[in-house]
Amino acid sequence: MAGNNYIKIRLKGYDHRLLDESSKKIIDAVKDTEAKVSGPIPLPNKRTVYSVIRSPHKYSYSMEQFEKIVHKRVIYIYNASSETVTKLLKVNIPAGVSVDIKA
């Protein structure tokens, strides 16, 4: 990877189906150019659990658990040209997906 110019796209979201759909859109857009694509690579999920007392005053032994899971994917694009970048900018990504792009 030392000699190649590559783009690292990191996707985060709560719904894994939206992430898979978004990564497929990105890969389809890049495949039209001469760039090579590696991914989507699934990264470990971030799971956060919250415990809340059910009753407002007493019976503090009765707890309710809520969890939040953040799913992550990484896509590497090698030998990217200016045409690849313009196609990436035109990809429509849903609102539930966070995209970080590093060159």
PDB file of N, CA and C in Angstrom:
ATOM      1  N   MET A   1       0.809  -1.197   0.000  1.00  0.00           N
ATOM      2  CA  MET A   1       0.000   0.000   0.000  1.00  0.00           C
ATOM      3  C   MET A   1       0.854   1.264   0.000  1.00  0.00           C
ATOM      4  N   ALA A   2       2.186   1.096   0.068  1.00  0.00           N
ATOM      5  CA  ALA A   2       3.028   2.275   0.170  1.00  0.00           C
ATOM      6  C   ALA A   2       3.028   3.088  -1.113  1.00  0.00           C
ATOM      7  N   GLY A   3       3.081   2.431  -2.290  1.00  0.00           N
ATOM      8  CA  GLY A   3       3.164   3.156  -3.539  1.00  0.00           C
ATOM      9  C   GLY A   3       1.819   3.551  -4.113  1.00  0.00           C
ATOM     10  N   ASN A   4       0.759   2.929  -3.671  1.00  0.00           N
ATOM     11  CA  ASN A   4      -0.561   3.187  -4.250  1.00  0.00           C
ATOM     12  C   ASN A   4      -1.232   4.372  -3.581  1.00  0.00           C
ATOM     13  N   ASN A   5      -2.028   5.069  -4.370  1.00  0.00           N
ATOM     14  CA  ASN A   5      -2.912   6.049  -3.756  1.00  0.00           C
ATOM     15  C   ASN A   5      -4.235   5.344  -3.511  1.00  0.00           C
ATOM     16  N   TYR A   6      -4.728   5.429  -2.305  1.00  0.00           N
ATOM     17  CA  TYR A   6      -5.961   4.732  -1.968  1.00  0.00           C
ATOM     18  C   TYR A   6      -6.861   5.633  -1.140  1.00  0.00           C
ATOM     19  N   ILE A   7      -8.130   5.289  -1.166  1.00  0.00           N
ATOM     20  CA  ILE A   7      -9.143   6.001  -0.396  1.00  0.00           C
ATOM     21  C   ILE A   7      -9.752   5.007   0.580  1.00  0.00           C
ATOM     22  N   LYS A   8      -9.867   5.419   1.834  1.00  0.00           N
ATOM     23  CA  LYS A   8     -10.471   4.574   2.867  1.00  0.00           C
ATOM     24  C   LYS A   8     -11.830   5.172   3.220  1.00  0.00           C
ATOM     25  N   ILE A   9     -12.882   4.391   2.996  1.00  0.00           N
ATOM     26  CA  ILE A   9     -14.240   4.836   3.307  1.00  0.00           C
ATOM     27  C   ILE A   9     -14.739   4.009   4.479  1.00  0.00           C
ATOM     28  N   ARG A  10     -15.119   4.691   5.550  1.00  0.00           N
ATOM     29  CA  ARG A  10     -15.602   4.011   6.753  1.00  0.00           C
ATOM     30  C   ARG A  10     -17.074   4.348   6.947  1.00  0.00           C
ATOM     31  N   LEU A  11     -17.907   3.317   7.034  1.00  0.00           N
ATOM     32  CA  LEU A  11     -19.352   3.485   7.195  1.00  0.00           C
ATOM     33  C   LEU A  11     -19.749   3.049   8.595  1.00  0.00           C
ATOM     34  N   LYS A  12     -20.600   3.841   9.249  1.00  0.00           N
ATOM     35  CA  LYS A  12     -21.125   3.504  10.577  1.00  0.00           C
ATOM     36  C   LYS A  12     -22.630   3.689  10.569  1.00  0.00           C
ATOM     37  N   GLY A  13     -23.334   2.842  11.327  1.00  0.00           N
ATOM     38  CA  GLY A  13     -24.779   2.993  11.419  1.00  0.00           C
ATOM     39  C   GLY A  13     -25.377   1.993  12.387  1.00  0.00           C
ATOM     40  N   TYR A  14     -26.638   2.233  12.741  1.00  0.00           N
ATOM     41  CA  TYR A  14     -27.337   1.348  13.666  1.00  0.00           C
ATOM     42  C   TYR A  14     -28.000   0.178  12.946  1.00  0.00           C
ATOM     43  N   ASP A  15     -28.279   0.301  11.667  1.00  0.00           N
ATOM     44  CA  ASP A  15     -28.956  -0.744  10.905  1.00  0.00           C
ATOM     45  C   ASP A  15     -27.964  -1.351   9.918  1.00  0.00           C
ATOM     46  N   HIS A  16     -27.673  -2.646  10.063  1.00  0.00           N
ATOM     47  CA  HIS A  16     -26.678  -3.282   9.207  1.00  0.00           C
ATOM     48  C   HIS A  16     -27.166  -3.428   7.768  1.00  0.00           C
ATOM     49  N   ARG A  17     -28.476  -3.469   7.567  1.00  0.00           N
ATOM     50  CA  ARG A  17     -28.988  -3.575   6.193  1.00  0.00           C
ATOM     51  C   ARG A  17     -28.729  -2.290   5.409  1.00  0.00           C
ATOM     52  N   LEU A  18     -28.879  -1.137   6.068  1.00  0.00           N
ATOM     53  CA  LEU A  18     -28.567   0.140   5.414  1.00  0.00           C
ATOM     54  C   LEU A  18     -27.080   0.234   5.064  1.00  0.00           C
ATOM     55  N   LEU A  19     -26.225  -0.286   5.957  1.00  0.00           N
ATOM     56  CA  LEU A  19     -24.788  -0.264   5.688  1.00  0.00           C
ATOM     57  C   LEU A  19     -24.442  -1.123   4.481  1.00  0.00           C
ATOM     58  N   ASP A  20     -25.025  -2.315   4.411  1.00  0.00           N
ATOM     59  CA  ASP A  20     -24.744  -3.203   3.285  1.00  0.00           C
ATOM     60  C   ASP A  20     -25.249  -2.609   1.975  1.00  0.00           C
ATOM     61  N   GLU A  21     -26.413  -1.987   2.023  1.00  0.00           N
ATOM     62  CA  GLU A  21     -26.980  -1.350   0.833  1.00  0.00           C
ATOM     63  C   GLU A  21     -26.113  -0.171   0.382  1.00  0.00           C
ATOM     64  N   SER A  22     -25.643   0.632   1.334  1.00  0.00           N
ATOM     65  CA  SER A  22     -24.805   1.787   1.004  1.00  0.00           C
ATOM     66  C   SER A  22     -23.455   1.350   0.449  1.00  0.00           C
ATOM     67  N   SER A  23     -22.874   0.312   1.048  1.00  0.00           N
ATOM     68  CA  SER A  23     -21.587  -0.162   0.548  1.00  0.00           C
ATOM     69  C   SER A  23     -21.722  -0.741  -0.856  1.00  0.00           C
ATOM     70  N   LYS A  24     -22.841  -1.384  -1.145  1.00  0.00           N
ATOM     71  CA  LYS A  24     -23.076  -1.905  -2.495  1.00  0.00           C
ATOM     72  C   LYS A  24     -23.195  -0.764  -3.504  1.00  0.00           C
ATOM     73  N   LYS A  25     -23.862   0.333  -3.117  1.00  0.00           N
ATOM     74  CA  LYS A  25     -23.968   1.504  -3.999  1.00  0.00           C
ATOM     75  C   LYS A  25     -22.589   2.097  -4.291  1.00  0.00           C
ATOM     76  N   ILE A  26     -21.754   2.194  -3.254  1.00  0.00           N
ATOM     77  CA  ILE A  26     -20.414   2.757  -3.426  1.00  0.00           C
ATOM     78  C   ILE A  26     -19.572   1.870  -4.338  1.00  0.00           C
ATOM     79  N   ILE A  27     -19.624   0.562  -4.115  1.00  0.00           N
ATOM     80  CA  ILE A  27     -18.833  -0.365  -4.921  1.00  0.00           C
ATOM     81  C   ILE A  27     -19.299  -0.358  -6.373  1.00  0.00           C
ATOM     82  N   ASP A  28     -20.603  -0.306  -6.601  1.00  0.00           N
ATOM     83  CA  ASP A  28     -21.119  -0.262  -7.973  1.00  0.00           C
ATOM     84  C   ASP A  28     -20.686   1.012  -8.690  1.00  0.00           C
ATOM     85  N   ALA A  29     -20.639   2.129  -7.976  1.00  0.00           N
ATOM     86  CA  ALA A  29     -20.218   3.388  -8.588  1.00  0.00           C
ATOM     87  C   ALA A  29     -18.733   3.361  -8.945  1.00  0.00           C
ATOM     88  N   VAL A  30     -17.920   2.731  -8.101  1.00  0.00           N
ATOM     89  CA  VAL A  30     -16.477   2.709  -8.325  1.00  0.00           C
ATOM     90  C   VAL A  30     -16.100   1.686  -9.399  1.00  0.00           C
ATOM     91  N   LYS A  31     -16.848   0.607  -9.520  1.00  0.00           N
ATOM     92  CA  LYS A  31     -16.529  -0.435 -10.504  1.00  0.00           C
ATOM     93  C   LYS A  31     -16.614   0.081 -11.934  1.00  0.00           C
ATOM     94  N   ASP A  32     -17.361   1.162 -12.181  1.00  0.00           N
ATOM     95  CA  ASP A  32     -17.438   1.737 -13.524  1.00  0.00           C
ATOM     96  C   ASP A  32     -16.112   2.370 -13.944  1.00  0.00           C
ATOM     97  N   THR A  33     -15.306   2.790 -12.974  1.00  0.00           N
ATOM     98  CA  THR A  33     -14.001   3.373 -13.277  1.00  0.00           C
ATOM     99  C   THR A  33     -12.961   2.258 -13.258  1.00  0.00           C
ATOM    100  N   GLU A  34     -11.698   2.619 -13.415  1.00  0.00           N
ATOM    101  CA  GLU A  34     -10.632   1.614 -13.441  1.00  0.00           C
ATOM    102  C   GLU A  34     -10.055   1.335 -12.057  1.00  0.00           C
ATOM    103  N   ALA A  35     -10.652   1.853 -11.019  1.00  0.00           N
ATOM    104  CA  ALA A  35     -10.150   1.662  -9.659  1.00  0.00           C
ATOM    105  C   ALA A  35     -10.489   0.262  -9.162  1.00  0.00           C
ATOM    106  N   LYS A  36      -9.647  -0.238  -8.262  1.00  0.00           N
ATOM    107  CA  LYS A  36      -9.877  -1.552  -7.656  1.00  0.00           C
ATOM    108  C   LYS A  36     -10.468  -1.351  -6.271  1.00  0.00           C
ATOM    109  N   VAL A  37     -11.401  -2.246  -5.909  1.00  0.00           N
ATOM    110  CA  VAL A  37     -12.129  -2.108  -4.647  1.00  0.00           C
ATOM    111  C   VAL A  37     -11.834  -3.311  -3.763  1.00  0.00           C
ATOM    112  N   SER A  38     -11.591  -3.057  -2.493  1.00  0.00           N
ATOM    113  CA  SER A  38     -11.435  -4.110  -1.496  1.00  0.00           C
ATOM    114  C   SER A  38     -12.457  -3.859  -0.393  1.00  0.00           C
ATOM    115  N   GLY A  39     -13.376  -4.787  -0.226  1.00  0.00           N
ATOM    116  CA  GLY A  39     -14.374  -4.612   0.819  1.00  0.00           C
ATOM    117  C   GLY A  39     -15.755  -4.921   0.320  1.00  0.00           C
ATOM    118  N   PRO A  40     -16.756  -4.712   1.069  1.00  0.00           N
ATOM    119  CA  PRO A  40     -16.796  -4.120   2.409  1.00  0.00           C
ATOM    120  C   PRO A  40     -16.273  -5.088   3.473  1.00  0.00           C
ATOM    121  N   ILE A  41     -15.414  -4.593   4.322  1.00  0.00           N
ATOM    122  CA  ILE A  41     -14.835  -5.385   5.400  1.00  0.00           C
ATOM    123  C   ILE A  41     -15.596  -5.060   6.673  1.00  0.00           C
ATOM    124  N   PRO A  42     -16.265  -6.049   7.293  1.00  0.00           N
ATOM    125  CA  PRO A  42     -16.981  -5.768   8.545  1.00  0.00           C
ATOM    126  C   PRO A  42     -16.008  -5.616   9.709  1.00  0.00           C
ATOM    127  N   LEU A  43     -16.198  -4.571  10.481  1.00  0.00           N
ATOM    128  CA  LEU A  43     -15.399  -4.324  11.679  1.00  0.00           C
ATOM    129  C   LEU A  43     -16.209  -4.728  12.906  1.00  0.00           C
ATOM    130  N   PRO A  44     -15.565  -4.885  14.070  1.00  0.00           N
ATOM    131  CA  PRO A  44     -16.313  -5.260  15.276  1.00  0.00           C
ATOM    132  C   PRO A  44     -17.384  -4.231  15.638  1.00  0.00           C
ATOM    133  N   ASN A  45     -18.509  -4.737  16.120  1.00  0.00           N
ATOM    134  CA  ASN A  45     -19.623  -3.872  16.509  1.00  0.00           C
ATOM    135  C   ASN A  45     -19.360  -3.256  17.875  1.00  0.00           C
ATOM    136  N   LYS A  46     -19.866  -2.053  18.078  1.00  0.00           N
ATOM    137  CA  LYS A  46     -19.787  -1.373  19.378  1.00  0.00           C
ATOM    138  C   LYS A  46     -21.145  -1.522  20.045  1.00  0.00           C
ATOM    139  N   ARG A  47     -21.189  -2.239  21.152  1.00  0.00           N
ATOM    140  CA  ARG A  47     -22.448  -2.520  21.844  1.00  0.00           C
ATOM    141  C   ARG A  47     -22.438  -1.810  23.190  1.00  0.00           C
ATOM    142  N   THR A  48     -23.441  -0.970  23.429  1.00  0.00           N
ATOM    143  CA  THR A  48     -23.586  -0.238  24.680  1.00  0.00           C
ATOM    144  C   THR A  48     -24.906  -0.644  25.319  1.00  0.00           C
ATOM    145  N   VAL A  49     -24.850  -1.044  26.606  1.00  0.00           N
ATOM    146  CA  VAL A  49     -26.046  -1.488  27.325  1.00  0.00           C
ATOM    147  C   VAL A  49     -26.350  -0.483  28.427  1.00  0.00           C
ATOM    148  N   TYR A  50     -27.609  -0.060  28.499  1.00  0.00           N
ATOM    149  CA  TYR A  50     -28.075   0.860  29.532  1.00  0.00           C
ATOM    150  C   TYR A  50     -29.075   0.133  30.414  1.00  0.00           C
ATOM    151  N   SER A  51     -28.899   0.204  31.745  1.00  0.00           N
ATOM    152  CA  SER A  51     -29.843  -0.375  32.697  1.00  0.00           C
ATOM    153  C   SER A  51     -30.586   0.756  33.393  1.00  0.00           C
ATOM    154  N   VAL A  52     -31.916   0.668  33.384  1.00  0.00           N
ATOM    155  CA  VAL A  52     -32.763   1.724  33.936  1.00  0.00           C
ATOM    156  C   VAL A  52     -33.724   1.091  34.935  1.00  0.00           C
ATOM    157  N   ILE A  53     -33.939   1.770  36.076  1.00  0.00           N
ATOM    158  CA  ILE A  53     -34.902   1.287  37.062  1.00  0.00           C
ATOM    159  C   ILE A  53     -36.306   1.445  36.496  1.00  0.00           C
ATOM    160  N   ARG A  54     -37.105   0.382  36.587  1.00  0.00           N
ATOM    161  CA  ARG A  54     -38.444   0.408  35.987  1.00  0.00           C
ATOM    162  C   ARG A  54     -39.407   1.305  36.758  1.00  0.00           C
ATOM    163  N   SER A  55     -39.374   1.220  38.074  1.00  0.00           N
ATOM    164  CA  SER A  55     -40.350   2.002  38.842  1.00  0.00           C
ATOM    165  C   SER A  55     -39.765   3.375  39.173  1.00  0.00           C
ATOM    166  N   PRO A  56     -40.616   4.370  39.372  1.00  0.00           N
ATOM    167  CA  PRO A  56     -40.096   5.711  39.633  1.00  0.00           C
ATOM    168  C   PRO A  56     -39.542   5.902  41.052  1.00  0.00           C
ATOM    169  N   HIS A  57     -40.024   5.123  42.050  1.00  0.00           N
ATOM    170  CA  HIS A  57     -39.613   5.394  43.427  1.00  0.00           C
ATOM    171  C   HIS A  57     -38.927   4.209  44.087  1.00  0.00           C
ATOM    172  N   LYS A  58     -39.613   3.091  44.244  1.00  0.00           N
ATOM    173  CA  LYS A  58     -39.015   1.965  44.949  1.00  0.00           C
ATOM    174  C   LYS A  58     -38.930   0.752  44.046  1.00  0.00           C
ATOM    175  N   TYR A  59     -38.572  -0.365  44.595  1.00  0.00           N
ATOM    176  CA  TYR A  59     -38.325  -1.615  43.865  1.00  0.00           C
ATOM    177  C   TYR A  59     -37.174  -1.425  42.871  1.00  0.00           C
ATOM    178  N   SER A  60     -36.053  -1.007  43.425  1.00  0.00           N
ATOM    179  CA  SER A  60     -34.915  -0.724  42.554  1.00  0.00           C
ATOM    180  C   SER A  60     -34.254  -1.990  42.017  1.00  0.00           C
ATOM    181  N   TYR A  61     -34.721  -3.171  42.465  1.00  0.00           N
ATOM    182  CA  TYR A  61     -34.151  -4.410  41.943  1.00  0.00           C
ATOM    183  C   TYR A  61     -34.704  -4.737  40.564  1.00  0.00           C
ATOM    184  N   SER A  62     -35.818  -4.140  40.227  1.00  0.00           N
ATOM    185  CA  SER A  62     -36.428  -4.386  38.923  1.00  0.00           C
ATOM    186  C   SER A  62     -35.831  -3.410  37.906  1.00  0.00           C
ATOM    187  N   MET A  63     -34.984  -3.940  37.048  1.00  0.00           N
ATOM    188  CA  MET A  63     -34.299  -3.111  36.061  1.00  0.00           C
ATOM    189  C   MET A  63     -34.716  -3.510  34.652  1.00  0.00           C
ATOM    190  N   GLU A  64     -34.614  -2.548  33.760  1.00  0.00           N
ATOM    191  CA  GLU A  64     -34.900  -2.798  32.356  1.00  0.00           C
ATOM    192  C   GLU A  64     -33.638  -2.449  31.565  1.00  0.00           C
ATOM    193  N   GLN A  65     -33.246  -3.330  30.638  1.00  0.00           N
ATOM    194  CA  GLN A  65     -32.034  -3.108  29.858  1.00  0.00           C
ATOM    195  C   GLN A  65     -32.369  -2.672  28.434  1.00  0.00           C
ATOM    196  N   PHE A  66     -31.611  -1.684  27.969  1.00  0.00           N
ATOM    197  CA  PHE A  66     -31.693  -1.228  26.587  1.00  0.00           C
ATOM    198  C   PHE A  66     -30.291  -1.312  26.007  1.00  0.00           C
ATOM    199  N   GLU A  67     -30.194  -1.632  24.725  1.00  0.00           N
ATOM    200  CA  GLU A  67     -28.880  -1.698  24.113  1.00  0.00           C
ATOM    201  C   GLU A  67     -28.849  -0.928  22.798  1.00  0.00           C
ATOM    202  N   LYS A  68     -27.667  -0.432  22.502  1.00  0.00           N
ATOM    203  CA  LYS A  68     -27.430   0.301  21.266  1.00  0.00           C
ATOM    204  C   LYS A  68     -26.225  -0.354  20.596  1.00  0.00           C
ATOM    205  N   ILE A  69     -26.400  -0.799  19.353  1.00  0.00           N
ATOM    206  CA  ILE A  69     -25.330  -1.468  18.619  1.00  0.00           C
ATOM    207  C   ILE A  69     -24.962  -0.621  17.404  1.00  0.00           C
ATOM    208  N   VAL A  70     -23.678  -0.298  17.285  1.00  0.00           N
ATOM    209  CA  VAL A  70     -23.179   0.459  16.137  1.00  0.00           C
ATOM    210  C   VAL A  70     -22.406  -0.515  15.248  1.00  0.00           C
ATOM    211  N   HIS A  71     -22.867  -0.685  14.015  1.00  0.00           N
ATOM    212  CA  HIS A  71     -22.219  -1.556  13.039  1.00  0.00           C
ATOM    213  C   HIS A  71     -21.261  -0.717  12.203  1.00  0.00           C
ATOM    214  N   LYS A  72     -20.130  -1.332  11.778  1.00  0.00           N
ATOM    215  CA  LYS A  72     -19.122  -0.603  11.010  1.00  0.00           C
ATOM    216  C   LYS A  72     -18.652  -1.438   9.823  1.00  0.00           C
ATOM    217  N   ARG A  73     -18.348  -0.757   8.724  1.00  0.00           N
ATOM    218  CA  ARG A  73     -17.792  -1.382   7.527  1.00  0.00           C
ATOM    219  C   ARG A  73     -16.689  -0.471   6.980  1.00  0.00           C
ATOM    220  N   VAL A  74     -15.696  -1.083   6.320  1.00  0.00           N
ATOM    221  CA  VAL A  74     -14.608  -0.334   5.695  1.00  0.00           C
ATOM    222  C   VAL A  74     -14.483  -0.781   4.244  1.00  0.00           C
ATOM    223  N   ILE A  75     -14.288   0.190   3.353  1.00  0.00           N
ATOM    224  CA  ILE A  75     -14.057  -0.083   1.939  1.00  0.00           C
ATOM    225  C   ILE A  75     -12.770   0.638   1.543  1.00  0.00           C
ATOM    226  N   TYR A  76     -11.847  -0.097   0.902  1.00  0.00           N
ATOM    227  CA  TYR A  76     -10.621   0.491   0.371  1.00  0.00           C
ATOM    228  C   TYR A  76     -10.739   0.580  -1.142  1.00  0.00           C
ATOM    229  N   ILE A  77     -10.379   1.735  -1.701  1.00  0.00           N
ATOM    230  CA  ILE A  77     -10.383   1.944  -3.145  1.00  0.00           C
ATOM    231  C   ILE A  77      -8.958   2.294  -3.555  1.00  0.00           C
ATOM    232  N   TYR A  78      -8.354   1.441  -4.405  1.00  0.00           N
ATOM    233  CA  TYR A  78      -6.980   1.624  -4.854  1.00  0.00           C
ATOM    234  C   TYR A  78      -6.953   2.215  -6.257  1.00  0.00           C
ATOM    235  N   ASN A  79      -5.896   2.952  -6.561  1.00  0.00           N
ATOM    236  CA  ASN A  79      -5.677   3.589  -7.870  1.00  0.00           C
ATOM    237  C   ASN A  79      -6.853   4.477  -8.255  1.00  0.00           C
ATOM    238  N   ALA A  80      -7.273   5.311  -7.343  1.00  0.00           N
ATOM    239  CA  ALA A  80      -8.424   6.185  -7.586  1.00  0.00           C
ATOM    240  C   ALA A  80      -8.015   7.375  -8.449  1.00  0.00           C
ATOM    241  N   SER A  81      -8.859   7.704  -9.400  1.00  0.00           N
ATOM    242  CA  SER A  81      -8.627   8.857 -10.269  1.00  0.00           C
ATOM    243  C   SER A  81      -9.635   9.952  -9.924  1.00  0.00           C
ATOM    244  N   SER A  82      -9.577  11.050 -10.649  1.00  0.00           N
ATOM    245  CA  SER A  82     -10.532  12.133 -10.407  1.00  0.00           C
ATOM    246  C   SER A  82     -11.947  11.711 -10.801  1.00  0.00           C
ATOM    247  N   GLU A  83     -12.046  10.837 -11.798  1.00  0.00           N
ATOM    248  CA  GLU A  83     -13.361  10.313 -12.199  1.00  0.00           C
ATOM    249  C   GLU A  83     -13.983   9.481 -11.072  1.00  0.00           C
ATOM    250  N   THR A  84     -13.144   8.721 -10.367  1.00  0.00           N
ATOM    251  CA  THR A  84     -13.621   7.915  -9.240  1.00  0.00           C
ATOM    252  C   THR A  84     -14.166   8.809  -8.137  1.00  0.00           C
ATOM    253  N   VAL A  85     -13.464   9.896  -7.856  1.00  0.00           N
ATOM    254  CA  VAL A  85     -13.885  10.805  -6.787  1.00  0.00           C
ATOM    255  C   VAL A  85     -15.207  11.480  -7.141  1.00  0.00           C
ATOM    256  N   THR A  86     -15.368  11.895  -8.393  1.00  0.00           N
ATOM    257  CA  THR A  86     -16.631  12.533  -8.780  1.00  0.00           C
ATOM    258  C   THR A  86     -17.790  11.548  -8.711  1.00  0.00           C
ATOM    259  N   LYS A  87     -17.549  10.277  -9.062  1.00  0.00           N
ATOM    260  CA  LYS A  87     -18.616   9.279  -8.950  1.00  0.00           C
ATOM    261  C   LYS A  87     -18.954   9.005  -7.489  1.00  0.00           C
ATOM    262  N   LEU A  88     -17.937   9.037  -6.617  1.00  0.00           N
ATOM    263  CA  LEU A  88     -18.186   8.835  -5.184  1.00  0.00           C
ATOM    264  C   LEU A  88     -19.028   9.965  -4.606  1.00  0.00           C
ATOM    265  N   LEU A  89     -18.792  11.175  -5.065  1.00  0.00           N
ATOM    266  CA  LEU A  89     -19.549  12.313  -4.549  1.00  0.00           C
ATOM    267  C   LEU A  89     -21.003  12.288  -4.997  1.00  0.00           C
ATOM    268  N   LYS A  90     -21.300  11.618  -6.097  1.00  0.00           N
ATOM    269  CA  LYS A  90     -22.662  11.561  -6.607  1.00  0.00           C
ATOM    270  C   LYS A  90     -23.492  10.430  -6.005  1.00  0.00           C
ATOM    271  N   VAL A  91     -22.869   9.544  -5.217  1.00  0.00           N
ATOM    272  CA  VAL A  91     -23.598   8.419  -4.617  1.00  0.00           C
ATOM    273  C   VAL A  91     -24.545   8.944  -3.545  1.00  0.00           C
ATOM    274  N   ASN A  92     -25.786   8.493  -3.584  1.00  0.00           N
ATOM    275  CA  ASN A  92     -26.802   8.903  -2.621  1.00  0.00           C
ATOM    276  C   ASN A  92     -26.785   7.932  -1.439  1.00  0.00           C
ATOM    277  N   ILE A  93     -26.444   8.430  -0.256  1.00  0.00           N
ATOM    278  CA  ILE A  93     -26.344   7.612   0.956  1.00  0.00           C
ATOM    279  C   ILE A  93     -27.532   7.930   1.854  1.00  0.00           C
ATOM    280  N   PRO A  94     -28.192   6.906   2.456  1.00  0.00           N
ATOM    281  CA  PRO A  94     -29.334   7.156   3.341  1.00  0.00           C
ATOM    282  C   PRO A  94     -28.936   7.942   4.591  1.00  0.00           C
ATOM    283  N   ALA A  95     -29.936   8.472   5.274  1.00  0.00           N
ATOM    284  CA  ALA A  95     -29.705   9.340   6.433  1.00  0.00           C
ATOM    285  C   ALA A  95     -29.162   8.583   7.641  1.00  0.00           C
ATOM    286  N   GLY A  96     -29.383   7.289   7.756  1.00  0.00           N
ATOM    287  CA  GLY A  96     -28.945   6.543   8.926  1.00  0.00           C
ATOM    288  C   GLY A  96     -27.513   6.060   8.866  1.00  0.00           C
ATOM    289  N   VAL A  97     -26.752   6.485   7.860  1.00  0.00           N
ATOM    290  CA  VAL A  97     -25.385   6.002   7.673  1.00  0.00           C
ATOM    291  C   VAL A  97     -24.413   7.175   7.771  1.00  0.00           C
ATOM    292  N   SER A  98     -23.380   7.011   8.602  1.00  0.00           N
ATOM    293  CA  SER A  98     -22.326   8.010   8.727  1.00  0.00           C
ATOM    294  C   SER A  98     -21.147   7.576   7.860  1.00  0.00           C
ATOM    295  N   VAL A  99     -20.608   8.492   7.058  1.00  0.00           N
ATOM    296  CA  VAL A  99     -19.528   8.173   6.126  1.00  0.00           C
ATOM    297  C   VAL A  99     -18.311   9.023   6.459  1.00  0.00           C
ATOM    298  N   ASP A 100     -17.158   8.359   6.665  1.00  0.00           N
ATOM    299  CA  ASP A 100     -15.879   9.038   6.853  1.00  0.00           C
ATOM    300  C   ASP A 100     -14.977   8.645   5.697  1.00  0.00           C
ATOM    301  N   ILE A 101     -14.434   9.629   4.983  1.00  0.00           N
ATOM    302  CA  ILE A 101     -13.562   9.361   3.842  1.00  0.00           C
ATOM    303  C   ILE A 101     -12.183   9.921   4.153  1.00  0.00           C
ATOM    304  N   LYS A 102     -11.157   9.059   4.026  1.00  0.00           N
ATOM    305  CA  LYS A 102      -9.773   9.482   4.220  1.00  0.00           C
ATOM    306  C   LYS A 102      -8.972   9.070   2.996  1.00  0.00           C
ATOM    307  N   ALA A 103      -8.107   9.964   2.552  1.00  0.00           N
ATOM    308  CA  ALA A 103      -7.287   9.665   1.373  1.00  0.00           C
ATOM    309  C   ALA A 103      -5.858   9.401   1.795  1.00  0.00           C
TER     310      ALA A 103
END
